Amino acid sequence: MHTARRSARSILLVFLAFFSAHSLASQNTLLILGDSLSAAYGVPSETAWVQLLKQRLQNNGLAQWQVINASISGETTDGGARRLPRLIEENNPDVVIIELGGNDGLRGFPPNVIESNLASMITLVQKSGARAVLVGMQIPPNYGQRYTSTFADIFPKLSDRFDTALVPFFLEGIYDQEALMQEDGIHPTDEAQSQLLENVWPVLKPVLR
């Protein structure tokens, strides 16, 4: 009888170990490395686009994806490049959304520096075995045509260079709609969060599947 109990217990332990390993193996991680646009600046966190993304994943048969939002208001490409190695080491992501560069552009940082920082992040993501999704940004025309066009060109250029998925412009359909922008003219309102998700989703969905 004791032998039977030990056998049953051994079988149970093997089953639990297998189930645990299978659950871990089926879990995927999506890391979002962004600035205030993804850190829910000025809007309730429960209605921010990242939270809406989590709900969209649940509703589209992608519940195995765990979303980790490592976005910080005011973050630059330099700060993101410094934080990314540890974030990858700690979270072992399968996909990394890089939503950075806007603050660099608004501060007039040299485009070649911005491009270099983004390139280093994409390289690190790909070397880790994860896939990168680059989120394109644009800045107001008052920075001068040469700077604004050079800045905007950074993102498609890097997407072509590294063969990454690209969201052409994160604020498409939002930036020129007064009702969808906060009083600072920089950050989207609560009502705009669903549009942010719609700008990302068509690019992100095929990567996740």
N, C-alpha and C. Protein backbone atom coordinates (compact mmCIF):
# COMPACT_ATOMS: atom_id res chain seq x y z
N MET A 1 0.83 -1.21 0.00
CA MET A 1 0.00 0.00 0.00
C MET A 1 0.86 1.26 0.00
N HIS A 2 1.93 1.22 0.85
CA HIS A 2 2.83 2.36 0.90
C HIS A 2 3.51 2.57 -0.44
N THR A 3 3.87 1.47 -1.09
CA THR A 3 4.51 1.56 -2.40
C THR A 3 3.57 2.20 -3.42
N ALA A 4 2.30 1.84 -3.36
CA ALA A 4 1.31 2.40 -4.29
C ALA A 4 1.15 3.90 -4.06
N ARG A 5 1.17 4.28 -2.76
CA ARG A 5 1.03 5.70 -2.45
C ARG A 5 2.23 6.49 -2.96
N ARG A 6 3.43 5.90 -2.78
CA ARG A 6 4.63 6.59 -3.25
C ARG A 6 4.61 6.72 -4.76
N SER A 7 4.14 5.68 -5.45
CA SER A 7 4.07 5.72 -6.90
C SER A 7 3.08 6.79 -7.37
N ALA A 8 1.93 6.84 -6.70
CA ALA A 8 0.92 7.83 -7.07
C ALA A 8 1.45 9.24 -6.83
N ARG A 9 2.17 9.40 -5.71
CA ARG A 9 2.74 10.71 -5.39
C ARG A 9 3.80 11.10 -6.42
N SER A 10 4.62 10.14 -6.83
CA SER A 10 5.65 10.42 -7.83
C SER A 10 5.04 10.83 -9.15
N ILE A 11 3.97 10.12 -9.53
CA ILE A 11 3.29 10.45 -10.79
C ILE A 11 2.71 11.86 -10.71
N LEU A 12 2.13 12.22 -9.56
CA LEU A 12 1.55 13.55 -9.38
C LEU A 12 2.61 14.62 -9.47
N LEU A 13 3.77 14.38 -8.85
CA LEU A 13 4.85 15.36 -8.89
C LEU A 13 5.37 15.55 -10.30
N VAL A 14 5.49 14.46 -11.05
CA VAL A 14 5.93 14.56 -12.44
C VAL A 14 4.92 15.35 -13.26
N PHE A 15 3.64 15.09 -13.03
CA PHE A 15 2.58 15.79 -13.76
C PHE A 15 2.62 17.29 -13.46
N LEU A 16 2.77 17.63 -12.16
CA LEU A 16 2.81 19.04 -11.78
C LEU A 16 4.03 19.74 -12.36
N ALA A 17 5.16 19.05 -12.38
CA ALA A 17 6.38 19.63 -12.95
C ALA A 17 6.21 19.88 -14.45
N PHE A 18 5.58 18.91 -15.12
CA PHE A 18 5.34 19.05 -16.56
C PHE A 18 4.37 20.19 -16.84
N PHE A 19 3.31 20.27 -16.03
CA PHE A 19 2.32 21.33 -16.22
C PHE A 19 2.92 22.69 -16.00
N SER A 20 3.77 22.80 -14.96
CA SER A 20 4.41 24.07 -14.65
C SER A 20 5.35 24.48 -15.78
N ALA A 21 6.14 23.54 -16.28
CA ALA A 21 7.07 23.83 -17.36
C ALA A 21 6.33 24.22 -18.63
N HIS A 22 5.22 23.52 -18.89
CA HIS A 22 4.43 23.82 -20.07
C HIS A 22 3.82 25.21 -19.98
N SER A 23 3.35 25.59 -18.79
CA SER A 23 2.75 26.90 -18.60
C SER A 23 3.77 28.00 -18.83
N LEU A 24 4.98 27.80 -18.30
CA LEU A 24 6.03 28.78 -18.48
C LEU A 24 6.43 28.89 -19.94
N ALA A 25 6.48 27.75 -20.61
CA ALA A 25 6.90 27.75 -22.01
C ALA A 25 5.89 28.44 -22.90
N SER A 26 4.61 28.36 -22.51
CA SER A 26 3.56 28.95 -23.33
C SER A 26 3.37 30.43 -23.04
N GLN A 27 4.04 30.95 -22.03
CA GLN A 27 3.92 32.37 -21.67
C GLN A 27 4.88 33.19 -22.52
N ASN A 28 4.38 34.24 -23.14
CA ASN A 28 5.22 35.14 -23.93
C ASN A 28 5.23 36.51 -23.27
N THR A 29 6.32 37.25 -23.49
CA THR A 29 6.46 38.55 -22.85
C THR A 29 6.64 39.65 -23.89
N LEU A 30 5.82 40.68 -23.76
CA LEU A 30 5.90 41.87 -24.59
C LEU A 30 6.36 43.02 -23.72
N LEU A 31 7.52 43.56 -24.03
CA LEU A 31 8.09 44.67 -23.27
C LEU A 31 7.88 45.97 -24.03
N ILE A 32 7.36 46.98 -23.35
CA ILE A 32 7.17 48.29 -23.96
C ILE A 32 8.15 49.27 -23.33
N LEU A 33 9.03 49.80 -24.15
CA LEU A 33 10.03 50.76 -23.68
C LEU A 33 9.69 52.11 -24.33
N GLY A 34 9.06 52.98 -23.55
CA GLY A 34 8.59 54.23 -24.12
C GLY A 34 8.74 55.40 -23.18
N ASP A 35 8.13 56.51 -23.61
CA ASP A 35 8.18 57.74 -22.82
C ASP A 35 6.78 58.04 -22.27
N SER A 36 6.48 59.31 -22.06
CA SER A 36 5.21 59.69 -21.44
C SER A 36 3.99 59.26 -22.26
N LEU A 37 4.15 59.12 -23.57
CA LEU A 37 3.02 58.71 -24.41
C LEU A 37 2.56 57.30 -24.06
N SER A 38 3.46 56.48 -23.54
CA SER A 38 3.11 55.12 -23.14
C SER A 38 3.07 54.95 -21.63
N ALA A 39 3.42 56.01 -20.90
CA ALA A 39 3.43 55.96 -19.44
C ALA A 39 2.17 56.58 -18.84
N ALA A 40 1.16 56.80 -19.68
CA ALA A 40 -0.15 57.30 -19.24
C ALA A 40 -0.05 58.68 -18.60
N TYR A 41 0.74 59.56 -19.21
CA TYR A 41 0.87 60.92 -18.68
C TYR A 41 -0.45 61.67 -18.85
N GLY A 42 -1.00 62.15 -17.73
CA GLY A 42 -2.19 62.98 -17.77
C GLY A 42 -3.49 62.24 -18.03
N VAL A 43 -3.45 60.91 -18.06
CA VAL A 43 -4.67 60.14 -18.28
C VAL A 43 -4.73 59.01 -17.25
N PRO A 44 -5.92 58.51 -16.94
CA PRO A 44 -6.03 57.39 -16.00
C PRO A 44 -5.32 56.16 -16.54
N SER A 45 -4.55 55.50 -15.71
CA SER A 45 -3.78 54.34 -16.16
C SER A 45 -4.68 53.22 -16.68
N GLU A 46 -5.90 53.12 -16.13
CA GLU A 46 -6.78 52.03 -16.54
C GLU A 46 -7.37 52.24 -17.93
N THR A 47 -7.28 53.46 -18.47
CA THR A 47 -7.79 53.70 -19.82
C THR A 47 -6.68 54.06 -20.80
N ALA A 48 -5.43 53.99 -20.36
CA ALA A 48 -4.30 54.29 -21.24
C ALA A 48 -4.16 53.21 -22.31
N TRP A 49 -3.47 53.54 -23.39
CA TRP A 49 -3.43 52.63 -24.52
C TRP A 49 -2.78 51.29 -24.18
N VAL A 50 -1.82 51.28 -23.27
CA VAL A 50 -1.18 50.01 -22.89
C VAL A 50 -2.18 49.10 -22.19
N GLN A 51 -3.01 49.67 -21.34
CA GLN A 51 -4.04 48.87 -20.68
C GLN A 51 -5.07 48.38 -21.70
N LEU A 52 -5.42 49.22 -22.66
CA LEU A 52 -6.33 48.81 -23.72
C LEU A 52 -5.72 47.68 -24.55
N LEU A 53 -4.41 47.73 -24.71
CA LEU A 53 -3.72 46.65 -25.43
C LEU A 53 -3.85 45.33 -24.70
N LYS A 54 -3.71 45.36 -23.38
CA LYS A 54 -3.85 44.13 -22.60
C LYS A 54 -5.24 43.53 -22.80
N GLN A 55 -6.25 44.38 -22.82
CA GLN A 55 -7.61 43.90 -23.04
C GLN A 55 -7.77 43.35 -24.46
N ARG A 56 -7.14 44.01 -25.43
CA ARG A 56 -7.22 43.56 -26.82
C ARG A 56 -6.58 42.18 -26.98
N LEU A 57 -5.50 41.95 -26.30
CA LEU A 57 -4.84 40.64 -26.36
C LEU A 57 -5.76 39.56 -25.82
N GLN A 58 -6.42 39.85 -24.71
CA GLN A 58 -7.35 38.89 -24.13
C GLN A 58 -8.48 38.56 -25.09
N ASN A 59 -8.95 39.56 -25.79
CA ASN A 59 -10.11 39.40 -26.67
C ASN A 59 -9.77 38.80 -28.03
N ASN A 60 -8.47 38.69 -28.32
CA ASN A 60 -8.06 38.19 -29.64
C ASN A 60 -7.29 36.88 -29.55
N GLY A 61 -7.54 36.12 -28.51
CA GLY A 61 -6.90 34.82 -28.39
C GLY A 61 -5.40 34.89 -28.16
N LEU A 62 -4.93 36.00 -27.57
CA LEU A 62 -3.50 36.18 -27.33
C LEU A 62 -3.23 36.40 -25.85
N ALA A 63 -4.02 35.71 -25.04
CA ALA A 63 -3.91 35.87 -23.59
C ALA A 63 -2.59 35.37 -23.03
N GLN A 64 -1.84 34.60 -23.84
CA GLN A 64 -0.56 34.09 -23.35
C GLN A 64 0.51 35.18 -23.29
N TRP A 65 0.18 36.36 -23.84
CA TRP A 65 1.15 37.45 -23.85
C TRP A 65 1.04 38.29 -22.58
N GLN A 66 2.15 38.34 -21.87
CA GLN A 66 2.27 39.19 -20.68
C GLN A 66 2.88 40.53 -21.11
N VAL A 67 2.25 41.63 -20.74
CA VAL A 67 2.72 42.96 -21.13
C VAL A 67 3.44 43.61 -19.95
N ILE A 68 4.67 44.01 -20.18
CA ILE A 68 5.45 44.73 -19.18
C ILE A 68 5.72 46.13 -19.71
N ASN A 69 5.19 47.12 -19.02
CA ASN A 69 5.34 48.50 -19.45
C ASN A 69 6.48 49.16 -18.69
N ALA A 70 7.60 49.36 -19.37
CA ALA A 70 8.77 49.98 -18.76
C ALA A 70 8.94 51.42 -19.21
N SER A 71 7.82 52.06 -19.55
CA SER A 71 7.86 53.43 -20.04
C SER A 71 7.99 54.42 -18.89
N ILE A 72 8.71 55.51 -19.15
CA ILE A 72 8.93 56.55 -18.14
C ILE A 72 8.72 57.92 -18.80
N SER A 73 7.96 58.77 -18.16
CA SER A 73 7.77 60.13 -18.68
C SER A 73 9.11 60.86 -18.76
N GLY A 74 9.33 61.52 -19.88
CA GLY A 74 10.57 62.27 -20.07
C GLY A 74 11.72 61.44 -20.59
N GLU A 75 11.51 60.15 -20.82
CA GLU A 75 12.59 59.26 -21.27
C GLU A 75 13.09 59.66 -22.65
N THR A 76 14.39 59.53 -22.83
CA THR A 76 15.05 59.79 -24.11
C THR A 76 15.63 58.49 -24.66
N THR A 77 16.12 58.53 -25.88
CA THR A 77 16.74 57.34 -26.46
C THR A 77 18.00 56.94 -25.69
N ASP A 78 18.70 57.94 -25.17
CA ASP A 78 19.90 57.63 -24.39
C ASP A 78 19.52 56.89 -23.10
N GLY A 79 18.48 57.37 -22.43
CA GLY A 79 18.03 56.70 -21.21
C GLY A 79 17.52 55.31 -21.50
N GLY A 80 16.78 55.17 -22.59
CA GLY A 80 16.27 53.85 -22.96
C GLY A 80 17.39 52.88 -23.27
N ALA A 81 18.41 53.36 -23.97
CA ALA A 81 19.55 52.51 -24.30
C ALA A 81 20.29 52.06 -23.05
N ARG A 82 20.32 52.91 -22.04
CA ARG A 82 20.99 52.55 -20.79
C ARG A 82 20.18 51.53 -19.98
N ARG A 83 18.87 51.64 -20.02
CA ARG A 83 18.01 50.75 -19.22
C ARG A 83 17.74 49.41 -19.88
N LEU A 84 17.79 49.37 -21.21
CA LEU A 84 17.36 48.18 -21.93
C LEU A 84 18.12 46.90 -21.58
N PRO A 85 19.44 46.91 -21.45
CA PRO A 85 20.13 45.65 -21.13
C PRO A 85 19.59 44.96 -19.88
N ARG A 86 19.35 45.74 -18.83
CA ARG A 86 18.84 45.14 -17.61
C ARG A 86 17.40 44.67 -17.79
N LEU A 87 16.60 45.43 -18.53
CA LEU A 87 15.22 45.04 -18.76
C LEU A 87 15.14 43.72 -19.51
N ILE A 88 16.01 43.54 -20.49
CA ILE A 88 16.03 42.29 -21.24
C ILE A 88 16.49 41.14 -20.34
N GLU A 89 17.51 41.41 -19.53
CA GLU A 89 18.03 40.36 -18.64
C GLU A 89 16.96 39.93 -17.63
N GLU A 90 16.21 40.87 -17.11
CA GLU A 90 15.22 40.55 -16.07
C GLU A 90 13.94 39.95 -16.62
N ASN A 91 13.55 40.34 -17.84
CA ASN A 91 12.23 39.95 -18.36
C ASN A 91 12.27 38.97 -19.52
N ASN A 92 13.42 38.82 -20.16
CA ASN A 92 13.56 37.89 -21.28
C ASN A 92 12.40 38.02 -22.27
N PRO A 93 12.20 39.22 -22.82
CA PRO A 93 11.03 39.45 -23.68
C PRO A 93 11.15 38.74 -25.03
N ASP A 94 9.98 38.47 -25.62
CA ASP A 94 9.92 37.90 -26.97
C ASP A 94 9.76 39.01 -28.01
N VAL A 95 9.10 40.09 -27.60
CA VAL A 95 8.89 41.25 -28.47
C VAL A 95 9.13 42.50 -27.64
N VAL A 96 9.79 43.48 -28.24
CA VAL A 96 10.04 44.75 -27.56
C VAL A 96 9.54 45.90 -28.45
N ILE A 97 8.61 46.67 -27.92
CA ILE A 97 8.15 47.88 -28.61
C ILE A 97 9.04 49.04 -28.15
N ILE A 98 9.70 49.69 -29.10
CA ILE A 98 10.55 50.83 -28.79
C ILE A 98 9.82 52.11 -29.20
N GLU A 99 9.29 52.81 -28.22
CA GLU A 99 8.54 54.04 -28.47
C GLU A 99 9.31 55.20 -27.83
N LEU A 100 10.40 55.58 -28.46
CA LEU A 100 11.27 56.62 -27.94
C LEU A 100 11.76 57.52 -29.09
N GLY A 101 12.20 58.69 -28.71
CA GLY A 101 12.73 59.62 -29.71
C GLY A 101 12.02 60.96 -29.69
N GLY A 102 10.75 60.97 -29.25
CA GLY A 102 10.00 62.21 -29.22
C GLY A 102 10.63 63.28 -28.35
N ASN A 103 11.07 62.91 -27.16
CA ASN A 103 11.69 63.89 -26.27
C ASN A 103 13.03 64.37 -26.81
N ASP A 104 13.74 63.47 -27.48
CA ASP A 104 15.01 63.87 -28.11
C ASP A 104 14.76 64.96 -29.15
N GLY A 105 13.73 64.72 -29.98
CA GLY A 105 13.42 65.68 -31.03
C GLY A 105 12.97 67.02 -30.47
N LEU A 106 12.11 66.99 -29.45
CA LEU A 106 11.62 68.23 -28.86
C LEU A 106 12.74 69.02 -28.19
N ARG A 107 13.80 68.33 -27.81
CA ARG A 107 14.95 69.02 -27.19
C ARG A 107 16.02 69.37 -28.20
N GLY A 108 15.75 69.04 -29.46
CA GLY A 108 16.68 69.40 -30.52
C GLY A 108 17.97 68.61 -30.54
N PHE A 109 17.94 67.37 -30.03
CA PHE A 109 19.14 66.54 -30.04
C PHE A 109 19.55 66.24 -31.49
N PRO A 110 20.84 66.06 -31.73
CA PRO A 110 21.31 65.74 -33.09
C PRO A 110 20.67 64.46 -33.62
N PRO A 111 20.13 64.48 -34.83
CA PRO A 111 19.48 63.29 -35.39
C PRO A 111 20.39 62.07 -35.44
N ASN A 112 21.69 62.29 -35.71
CA ASN A 112 22.59 61.14 -35.79
C ASN A 112 22.76 60.46 -34.43
N VAL A 113 22.65 61.23 -33.35
CA VAL A 113 22.74 60.66 -32.00
C VAL A 113 21.47 59.85 -31.70
N ILE A 114 20.33 60.41 -32.05
CA ILE A 114 19.06 59.72 -31.85
C ILE A 114 19.06 58.40 -32.63
N GLU A 115 19.48 58.47 -33.87
CA GLU A 115 19.52 57.27 -34.71
C GLU A 115 20.46 56.22 -34.15
N SER A 116 21.61 56.67 -33.67
CA SER A 116 22.59 55.74 -33.11
C SER A 116 22.05 55.05 -31.86
N ASN A 117 21.36 55.80 -31.00
CA ASN A 117 20.80 55.20 -29.79
C ASN A 117 19.72 54.18 -30.12
N LEU A 118 18.84 54.54 -31.06
CA LEU A 118 17.79 53.61 -31.46
C LEU A 118 18.38 52.36 -32.12
N ALA A 119 19.40 52.55 -32.92
CA ALA A 119 20.06 51.42 -33.59
C ALA A 119 20.67 50.47 -32.57
N SER A 120 21.26 51.02 -31.52
CA SER A 120 21.87 50.17 -30.49
C SER A 120 20.82 49.37 -29.76
N MET A 121 19.63 49.97 -29.54
CA MET A 121 18.56 49.25 -28.86
C MET A 121 18.01 48.13 -29.74
N ILE A 122 17.79 48.42 -31.01
CA ILE A 122 17.30 47.39 -31.92
C ILE A 122 18.29 46.24 -32.02
N THR A 123 19.56 46.57 -32.11
CA THR A 123 20.60 45.54 -32.17
C THR A 123 20.58 44.66 -30.94
N LEU A 124 20.44 45.27 -29.77
CA LEU A 124 20.41 44.51 -28.52
C LEU A 124 19.19 43.60 -28.47
N VAL A 125 18.05 44.12 -28.90
CA VAL A 125 16.82 43.32 -28.91
C VAL A 125 16.99 42.11 -29.82
N GLN A 126 17.50 42.33 -31.01
CA GLN A 126 17.64 41.23 -31.97
C GLN A 126 18.69 40.22 -31.53
N LYS A 127 19.75 40.69 -30.92
CA LYS A 127 20.78 39.76 -30.42
C LYS A 127 20.24 38.89 -29.30
N SER A 128 19.25 39.38 -28.56
CA SER A 128 18.66 38.60 -27.47
C SER A 128 17.71 37.54 -27.99
N GLY A 129 17.40 37.60 -29.28
CA GLY A 129 16.47 36.65 -29.87
C GLY A 129 15.04 37.16 -29.93
N ALA A 130 14.82 38.38 -29.46
CA ALA A 130 13.48 38.98 -29.49
C ALA A 130 13.28 39.75 -30.79
N ARG A 131 12.04 40.14 -31.03
CA ARG A 131 11.70 40.93 -32.20
C ARG A 131 11.40 42.36 -31.76
N ALA A 132 11.87 43.32 -32.55
CA ALA A 132 11.67 44.73 -32.22
C ALA A 132 10.54 45.31 -33.06
N VAL A 133 9.74 46.15 -32.44
CA VAL A 133 8.73 46.93 -33.14
C VAL A 133 9.07 48.40 -32.87
N LEU A 134 9.37 49.13 -33.92
CA LEU A 134 9.78 50.52 -33.79
C LEU A 134 8.57 51.43 -34.02
N VAL A 135 8.40 52.40 -33.13
CA VAL A 135 7.27 53.32 -33.22
C VAL A 135 7.78 54.67 -33.72
N GLY A 136 7.32 55.07 -34.89
CA GLY A 136 7.78 56.31 -35.49
C GLY A 136 7.15 57.54 -34.86
N MET A 137 7.92 58.62 -34.86
CA MET A 137 7.44 59.89 -34.32
C MET A 137 7.78 61.03 -35.28
N GLN A 138 7.07 62.13 -35.10
CA GLN A 138 7.34 63.36 -35.82
C GLN A 138 7.28 64.50 -34.83
N ILE A 139 7.90 65.63 -35.19
CA ILE A 139 7.88 66.80 -34.31
C ILE A 139 7.29 67.98 -35.06
N PRO A 140 6.85 69.02 -34.32
CA PRO A 140 6.20 70.18 -34.95
C PRO A 140 7.11 70.86 -35.98
N PRO A 141 6.52 71.48 -36.99
CA PRO A 141 7.29 72.11 -38.06
C PRO A 141 8.09 73.34 -37.63
N ASN A 142 7.80 73.87 -36.45
CA ASN A 142 8.52 75.08 -36.02
C ASN A 142 9.99 74.80 -35.70
N TYR A 143 10.39 73.53 -35.75
CA TYR A 143 11.80 73.20 -35.55
C TYR A 143 12.60 73.37 -36.84
N GLY A 144 11.92 73.72 -37.90
CA GLY A 144 12.60 73.90 -39.19
C GLY A 144 12.41 72.67 -40.07
N GLN A 145 12.22 72.92 -41.35
CA GLN A 145 11.92 71.81 -42.27
C GLN A 145 13.04 70.78 -42.32
N ARG A 146 14.28 71.24 -42.32
CA ARG A 146 15.39 70.30 -42.43
C ARG A 146 15.45 69.37 -41.23
N TYR A 147 15.33 69.93 -40.03
CA TYR A 147 15.42 69.11 -38.82
C TYR A 147 14.22 68.17 -38.72
N THR A 148 13.02 68.69 -38.95
CA THR A 148 11.83 67.85 -38.80
C THR A 148 11.81 66.70 -39.79
N SER A 149 12.23 66.95 -41.02
CA SER A 149 12.23 65.88 -42.01
C SER A 149 13.33 64.87 -41.72
N THR A 150 14.49 65.35 -41.29
CA THR A 150 15.59 64.44 -40.94
C THR A 150 15.19 63.56 -39.76
N PHE A 151 14.53 64.19 -38.78
CA PHE A 151 14.09 63.43 -37.61
C PHE A 151 13.07 62.37 -38.01
N ALA A 152 12.07 62.74 -38.79
CA ALA A 152 11.03 61.79 -39.19
C ALA A 152 11.60 60.63 -39.99
N ASP A 153 12.65 60.89 -40.75
CA ASP A 153 13.25 59.85 -41.61
C ASP A 153 14.04 58.82 -40.83
N ILE A 154 14.37 59.13 -39.57
CA ILE A 154 15.16 58.19 -38.76
C ILE A 154 14.46 56.84 -38.65
N PHE A 155 13.17 56.86 -38.42
CA PHE A 155 12.44 55.64 -38.10
C PHE A 155 12.28 54.69 -39.29
N PRO A 156 11.81 55.16 -40.45
CA PRO A 156 11.75 54.23 -41.59
C PRO A 156 13.12 53.77 -42.04
N LYS A 157 14.12 54.63 -41.87
CA LYS A 157 15.49 54.24 -42.26
C LYS A 157 15.98 53.07 -41.39
N LEU A 158 15.74 53.17 -40.09
CA LEU A 158 16.15 52.09 -39.18
C LEU A 158 15.33 50.83 -39.41
N SER A 159 14.04 50.99 -39.71
CA SER A 159 13.19 49.84 -39.99
C SER A 159 13.71 49.07 -41.20
N ASP A 160 14.11 49.79 -42.24
CA ASP A 160 14.66 49.14 -43.43
C ASP A 160 16.01 48.50 -43.13
N ARG A 161 16.81 49.20 -42.38
CA ARG A 161 18.17 48.71 -42.07
C ARG A 161 18.14 47.42 -41.27
N PHE A 162 17.24 47.35 -40.28
CA PHE A 162 17.21 46.20 -39.38
C PHE A 162 16.04 45.25 -39.65
N ASP A 163 15.26 45.57 -40.68
CA ASP A 163 14.11 44.73 -41.04
C ASP A 163 13.19 44.53 -39.84
N THR A 164 12.79 45.64 -39.24
CA THR A 164 11.89 45.59 -38.09
C THR A 164 10.50 46.09 -38.49
N ALA A 165 9.50 45.68 -37.73
CA ALA A 165 8.15 46.21 -37.90
C ALA A 165 8.15 47.68 -37.51
N LEU A 166 7.37 48.49 -38.22
CA LEU A 166 7.36 49.93 -37.98
C LEU A 166 5.94 50.47 -37.91
N VAL A 167 5.65 51.18 -36.83
CA VAL A 167 4.43 51.99 -36.75
C VAL A 167 4.82 53.34 -37.35
N PRO A 168 4.29 53.72 -38.49
CA PRO A 168 4.77 54.91 -39.19
C PRO A 168 4.77 56.19 -38.35
N PHE A 169 3.64 56.47 -37.67
CA PHE A 169 3.55 57.68 -36.86
C PHE A 169 2.58 57.43 -35.72
N PHE A 170 3.08 57.43 -34.51
CA PHE A 170 2.29 57.06 -33.34
C PHE A 170 1.07 57.96 -33.14
N LEU A 171 1.22 59.25 -33.48
CA LEU A 171 0.15 60.21 -33.23
C LEU A 171 -0.70 60.48 -34.46
N GLU A 172 -0.67 59.60 -35.42
CA GLU A 172 -1.48 59.76 -36.62
C GLU A 172 -2.97 59.85 -36.25
N GLY A 173 -3.66 60.87 -36.80
CA GLY A 173 -5.07 61.05 -36.50
C GLY A 173 -5.35 61.66 -35.15
N ILE A 174 -4.29 62.08 -34.45
CA ILE A 174 -4.44 62.63 -33.10
C ILE A 174 -3.82 64.02 -32.99
N TYR A 175 -2.60 64.16 -33.46
CA TYR A 175 -1.82 65.38 -33.22
C TYR A 175 -2.50 66.65 -33.76
N ASP A 176 -3.29 66.51 -34.82
CA ASP A 176 -3.93 67.68 -35.44
C ASP A 176 -5.40 67.82 -35.05
N GLN A 177 -5.81 67.08 -34.02
CA GLN A 177 -7.18 67.15 -33.51
C GLN A 177 -7.13 67.75 -32.12
N GLU A 178 -7.57 69.00 -31.99
CA GLU A 178 -7.45 69.72 -30.73
C GLU A 178 -8.11 68.98 -29.57
N ALA A 179 -9.24 68.35 -29.84
CA ALA A 179 -9.97 67.66 -28.78
C ALA A 179 -9.23 66.41 -28.29
N LEU A 180 -8.28 65.92 -29.08
CA LEU A 180 -7.56 64.70 -28.71
C LEU A 180 -6.18 64.97 -28.11
N MET A 181 -5.86 66.23 -27.94
CA MET A 181 -4.57 66.60 -27.36
C MET A 181 -4.78 67.38 -26.07
N GLN A 182 -3.94 67.12 -25.08
CA GLN A 182 -4.01 67.86 -23.83
C GLN A 182 -3.59 69.31 -24.07
N GLU A 183 -3.78 70.15 -23.08
CA GLU A 183 -3.52 71.58 -23.22
C GLU A 183 -2.07 71.88 -23.58
N ASP A 184 -1.15 70.97 -23.23
CA ASP A 184 0.26 71.22 -23.56
C ASP A 184 0.56 71.03 -25.04
N GLY A 185 -0.39 70.46 -25.78
CA GLY A 185 -0.19 70.25 -27.21
C GLY A 185 0.77 69.14 -27.54
N ILE A 186 1.17 68.37 -26.54
CA ILE A 186 2.16 67.30 -26.73
C ILE A 186 1.58 65.92 -26.43
N HIS A 187 0.76 65.86 -25.40
CA HIS A 187 0.28 64.56 -24.93
C HIS A 187 -1.18 64.32 -25.32
N PRO A 188 -1.50 63.12 -25.77
CA PRO A 188 -2.88 62.78 -26.13
C PRO A 188 -3.79 62.73 -24.90
N THR A 189 -5.05 63.01 -25.12
CA THR A 189 -6.04 62.96 -24.05
C THR A 189 -6.48 61.52 -23.79
N ASP A 190 -7.33 61.39 -22.80
CA ASP A 190 -7.91 60.09 -22.48
C ASP A 190 -8.68 59.54 -23.69
N GLU A 191 -9.40 60.42 -24.38
CA GLU A 191 -10.19 60.01 -25.54
C GLU A 191 -9.33 59.52 -26.69
N ALA A 192 -8.08 59.93 -26.72
CA ALA A 192 -7.19 59.56 -27.83
C ALA A 192 -6.51 58.22 -27.63
N GLN A 193 -6.63 57.63 -26.45
CA GLN A 193 -5.88 56.40 -26.16
C GLN A 193 -6.29 55.24 -27.07
N SER A 194 -7.55 55.15 -27.40
CA SER A 194 -7.99 54.07 -28.28
C SER A 194 -7.39 54.22 -29.68
N GLN A 195 -7.21 55.48 -30.12
CA GLN A 195 -6.60 55.71 -31.43
C GLN A 195 -5.12 55.35 -31.42
N LEU A 196 -4.45 55.62 -30.31
CA LEU A 196 -3.05 55.20 -30.19
C LEU A 196 -2.94 53.69 -30.38
N LEU A 197 -3.85 52.96 -29.74
CA LEU A 197 -3.84 51.51 -29.89
C LEU A 197 -4.11 51.11 -31.33
N GLU A 198 -5.06 51.78 -31.98
CA GLU A 198 -5.37 51.44 -33.36
C GLU A 198 -4.20 51.74 -34.29
N ASN A 199 -3.37 52.70 -33.94
CA ASN A 199 -2.18 52.99 -34.74
C ASN A 199 -1.11 51.91 -34.60
N VAL A 200 -1.08 51.28 -33.42
CA VAL A 200 -0.07 50.25 -33.15
C VAL A 200 -0.54 48.85 -33.57
N TRP A 201 -1.80 48.54 -33.33
CA TRP A 201 -2.31 47.18 -33.45
C TRP A 201 -2.09 46.52 -34.81
N PRO A 202 -2.37 47.17 -35.94
CA PRO A 202 -2.17 46.50 -37.23
C PRO A 202 -0.73 46.06 -37.48
N VAL A 203 0.21 46.77 -36.88
CA VAL A 203 1.63 46.42 -37.03
C VAL A 203 2.03 45.35 -36.01
N LEU A 204 1.52 45.48 -34.79
CA LEU A 204 1.91 44.58 -33.72
C LEU A 204 1.28 43.19 -33.85
N LYS A 205 0.03 43.13 -34.25
CA LYS A 205 -0.71 41.85 -34.27
C LYS A 205 0.02 40.76 -35.05
N PRO A 206 0.48 41.02 -36.29
CA PRO A 206 1.18 39.96 -37.03
C PRO A 206 2.47 39.50 -36.34
N VAL A 207 3.12 40.43 -35.63
CA VAL A 207 4.35 40.06 -34.92
C VAL A 207 4.04 39.11 -33.78
N LEU A 208 2.96 39.35 -33.07
CA LEU A 208 2.60 38.51 -31.94
C LEU A 208 2.13 37.14 -32.38
N ARG A 209 1.51 37.06 -33.54
CA ARG A 209 1.02 35.76 -34.01
C ARG A 209 2.13 34.95 -34.65
